[in-house]
Amino acid sequence: MAKMGRPPRDTAPVTIRMDQSMLKAIDDYRREQEDLPSRPEVVRRVMEEWLAAQDKRSTTE
């Protein structure tokens, strides 16, 4: 897992609330990963994958 410290300058915090069932699903997914990412890291990874898929979809249409 990455060290804590100052975040990169070109980032901004995003605060969201999730119900317990979504948090449980995130935690279950985290535990399947080899590096046990944090909740925020899971959200970043999933969003990156989704955005990449959207990018591929828009270039094939």
N, C-alpha and C. Protein backbone atom coordinates (compact mmCIF):
# COMPACT_ATOMS: atom_id res chain seq x y z
N MET A 1 0.85 -1.17 0.00
CA MET A 1 0.00 0.00 0.00
C MET A 1 0.90 1.24 0.00
N ALA A 2 0.43 2.29 -0.65
CA ALA A 2 1.21 3.52 -0.75
C ALA A 2 1.34 4.19 0.61
N LYS A 3 2.43 4.91 0.78
CA LYS A 3 2.62 5.66 2.02
C LYS A 3 1.68 6.84 2.08
N MET A 4 1.27 7.17 3.27
CA MET A 4 0.46 8.37 3.46
C MET A 4 1.39 9.58 3.38
N GLY A 5 0.86 10.67 3.01
CA GLY A 5 1.65 11.89 2.89
C GLY A 5 0.83 12.92 2.16
N ARG A 6 1.48 13.96 1.73
CA ARG A 6 0.78 15.00 0.99
C ARG A 6 0.28 14.43 -0.32
N PRO A 7 -0.98 14.73 -0.66
CA PRO A 7 -1.49 14.26 -1.96
C PRO A 7 -0.86 15.06 -3.10
N PRO A 8 -0.87 14.50 -4.30
CA PRO A 8 -0.34 15.24 -5.45
C PRO A 8 -1.07 16.58 -5.61
N ARG A 9 -0.38 17.55 -6.15
CA ARG A 9 -0.95 18.90 -6.27
C ARG A 9 -2.13 18.98 -7.22
N ASP A 10 -2.19 18.11 -8.21
CA ASP A 10 -3.24 18.22 -9.21
C ASP A 10 -4.46 17.35 -8.88
N THR A 11 -4.74 17.17 -7.59
CA THR A 11 -5.88 16.37 -7.16
C THR A 11 -6.82 17.20 -6.30
N ALA A 12 -8.02 16.68 -6.11
CA ALA A 12 -9.00 17.34 -5.24
C ALA A 12 -9.75 16.25 -4.47
N PRO A 13 -10.09 16.51 -3.23
CA PRO A 13 -10.84 15.51 -2.46
C PRO A 13 -12.28 15.39 -2.95
N VAL A 14 -12.81 14.18 -2.83
CA VAL A 14 -14.21 13.92 -3.16
C VAL A 14 -14.79 13.16 -1.97
N THR A 15 -15.79 13.73 -1.35
CA THR A 15 -16.41 13.10 -0.19
C THR A 15 -17.78 12.58 -0.58
N ILE A 16 -18.01 11.30 -0.37
CA ILE A 16 -19.31 10.71 -0.68
C ILE A 16 -19.77 9.83 0.47
N ARG A 17 -21.06 9.62 0.56
CA ARG A 17 -21.61 8.70 1.54
C ARG A 17 -22.12 7.49 0.79
N MET A 18 -21.94 6.31 1.39
CA MET A 18 -22.39 5.06 0.79
C MET A 18 -23.13 4.27 1.85
N ASP A 19 -24.14 3.54 1.40
CA ASP A 19 -24.86 2.72 2.38
C ASP A 19 -24.01 1.50 2.74
N GLN A 20 -24.39 0.84 3.82
CA GLN A 20 -23.60 -0.26 4.35
C GLN A 20 -23.44 -1.41 3.36
N SER A 21 -24.44 -1.66 2.54
CA SER A 21 -24.32 -2.77 1.58
C SER A 21 -23.25 -2.47 0.52
N MET A 22 -23.13 -1.21 0.12
CA MET A 22 -22.10 -0.85 -0.84
C MET A 22 -20.71 -0.93 -0.19
N LEU A 23 -20.60 -0.47 1.04
CA LEU A 23 -19.33 -0.55 1.74
C LEU A 23 -18.91 -2.01 1.93
N LYS A 24 -19.86 -2.87 2.24
CA LYS A 24 -19.54 -4.29 2.38
C LYS A 24 -19.05 -4.86 1.06
N ALA A 25 -19.70 -4.49 -0.04
CA ALA A 25 -19.27 -4.96 -1.36
C ALA A 25 -17.86 -4.47 -1.67
N ILE A 26 -17.56 -3.23 -1.34
CA ILE A 26 -16.22 -2.67 -1.56
C ILE A 26 -15.21 -3.44 -0.72
N ASP A 27 -15.54 -3.66 0.55
CA ASP A 27 -14.62 -4.38 1.43
C ASP A 27 -14.40 -5.82 0.97
N ASP A 28 -15.46 -6.47 0.50
CA ASP A 28 -15.32 -7.83 -0.04
C ASP A 28 -14.38 -7.83 -1.25
N TYR A 29 -14.56 -6.86 -2.13
CA TYR A 29 -13.71 -6.75 -3.32
C TYR A 29 -12.25 -6.48 -2.91
N ARG A 30 -12.06 -5.59 -1.94
CA ARG A 30 -10.71 -5.26 -1.47
C ARG A 30 -9.97 -6.51 -1.03
N ARG A 31 -10.67 -7.36 -0.28
CA ARG A 31 -10.04 -8.56 0.27
C ARG A 31 -9.66 -9.58 -0.80
N GLU A 32 -10.25 -9.46 -1.98
CA GLU A 32 -9.89 -10.35 -3.09
C GLU A 32 -8.60 -9.90 -3.78
N GLN A 33 -8.19 -8.66 -3.55
CA GLN A 33 -7.01 -8.12 -4.21
C GLN A 33 -5.75 -8.53 -3.46
N GLU A 34 -4.68 -8.75 -4.20
CA GLU A 34 -3.42 -9.19 -3.59
C GLU A 34 -2.83 -8.16 -2.63
N ASP A 35 -3.01 -6.87 -2.93
CA ASP A 35 -2.37 -5.83 -2.13
C ASP A 35 -3.29 -5.18 -1.09
N LEU A 36 -4.51 -5.68 -0.91
CA LEU A 36 -5.50 -5.12 0.02
C LEU A 36 -5.52 -3.58 -0.03
N PRO A 37 -6.03 -3.04 -1.13
CA PRO A 37 -6.07 -1.58 -1.27
C PRO A 37 -7.07 -0.96 -0.27
N SER A 38 -6.89 0.30 -0.02
CA SER A 38 -7.83 1.03 0.84
C SER A 38 -9.15 1.22 0.09
N ARG A 39 -10.18 1.61 0.80
CA ARG A 39 -11.46 1.90 0.13
C ARG A 39 -11.29 2.97 -0.94
N PRO A 40 -10.64 4.11 -0.62
CA PRO A 40 -10.47 5.12 -1.67
C PRO A 40 -9.70 4.59 -2.88
N GLU A 41 -8.70 3.75 -2.64
CA GLU A 41 -7.94 3.20 -3.77
C GLU A 41 -8.80 2.29 -4.62
N VAL A 42 -9.68 1.51 -4.00
CA VAL A 42 -10.60 0.67 -4.76
C VAL A 42 -11.49 1.53 -5.64
N VAL A 43 -12.03 2.61 -5.09
CA VAL A 43 -12.90 3.50 -5.86
C VAL A 43 -12.11 4.09 -7.03
N ARG A 44 -10.88 4.52 -6.79
CA ARG A 44 -10.04 5.07 -7.88
C ARG A 44 -9.82 4.03 -8.97
N ARG A 45 -9.46 2.82 -8.57
CA ARG A 45 -9.19 1.78 -9.57
C ARG A 45 -10.42 1.44 -10.39
N VAL A 46 -11.54 1.28 -9.72
CA VAL A 46 -12.78 0.94 -10.44
C VAL A 46 -13.17 2.08 -11.38
N MET A 47 -13.04 3.31 -10.93
CA MET A 47 -13.37 4.45 -11.80
C MET A 47 -12.42 4.51 -12.99
N GLU A 48 -11.13 4.25 -12.77
CA GLU A 48 -10.18 4.25 -13.88
C GLU A 48 -10.56 3.19 -14.91
N GLU A 49 -10.92 1.99 -14.42
CA GLU A 49 -11.34 0.92 -15.34
C GLU A 49 -12.60 1.32 -16.11
N TRP A 50 -13.55 1.90 -15.42
CA TRP A 50 -14.81 2.31 -16.06
C TRP A 50 -14.55 3.40 -17.10
N LEU A 51 -13.74 4.38 -16.74
CA LEU A 51 -13.44 5.45 -17.68
C LEU A 51 -12.71 4.92 -18.91
N ALA A 52 -11.79 3.98 -18.71
CA ALA A 52 -11.08 3.38 -19.85
C ALA A 52 -12.06 2.63 -20.74
N ALA A 53 -13.01 1.92 -20.13
CA ALA A 53 -14.01 1.19 -20.91
C ALA A 53 -14.89 2.16 -21.69
N GLN A 54 -15.24 3.29 -21.09
CA GLN A 54 -16.05 4.29 -21.77
C GLN A 54 -15.29 4.88 -22.94
N ASP A 55 -14.00 5.09 -22.74
CA ASP A 55 -13.14 5.63 -23.80
C ASP A 55 -13.09 4.67 -24.98
N LYS A 56 -12.90 3.38 -24.70
CA LYS A 56 -12.86 2.36 -25.76
C LYS A 56 -14.21 2.28 -26.47
N ARG A 57 -15.27 2.37 -25.69
CA ARG A 57 -16.62 2.28 -26.28
C ARG A 57 -16.88 3.46 -27.23
N SER A 58 -16.44 4.64 -26.83
CA SER A 58 -16.70 5.81 -27.67
C SER A 58 -15.87 5.80 -28.96
N THR A 59 -14.73 5.12 -28.94
CA THR A 59 -13.91 5.08 -30.16
C THR A 59 -14.39 4.00 -31.12
N THR A 60 -15.19 3.05 -30.64
CA THR A 60 -15.70 1.99 -31.52
C THR A 60 -17.09 2.31 -32.06
N GLU A 61 -17.70 3.34 -31.58
CA GLU A 61 -19.07 3.68 -32.05
C GLU A 61 -19.02 4.64 -33.22
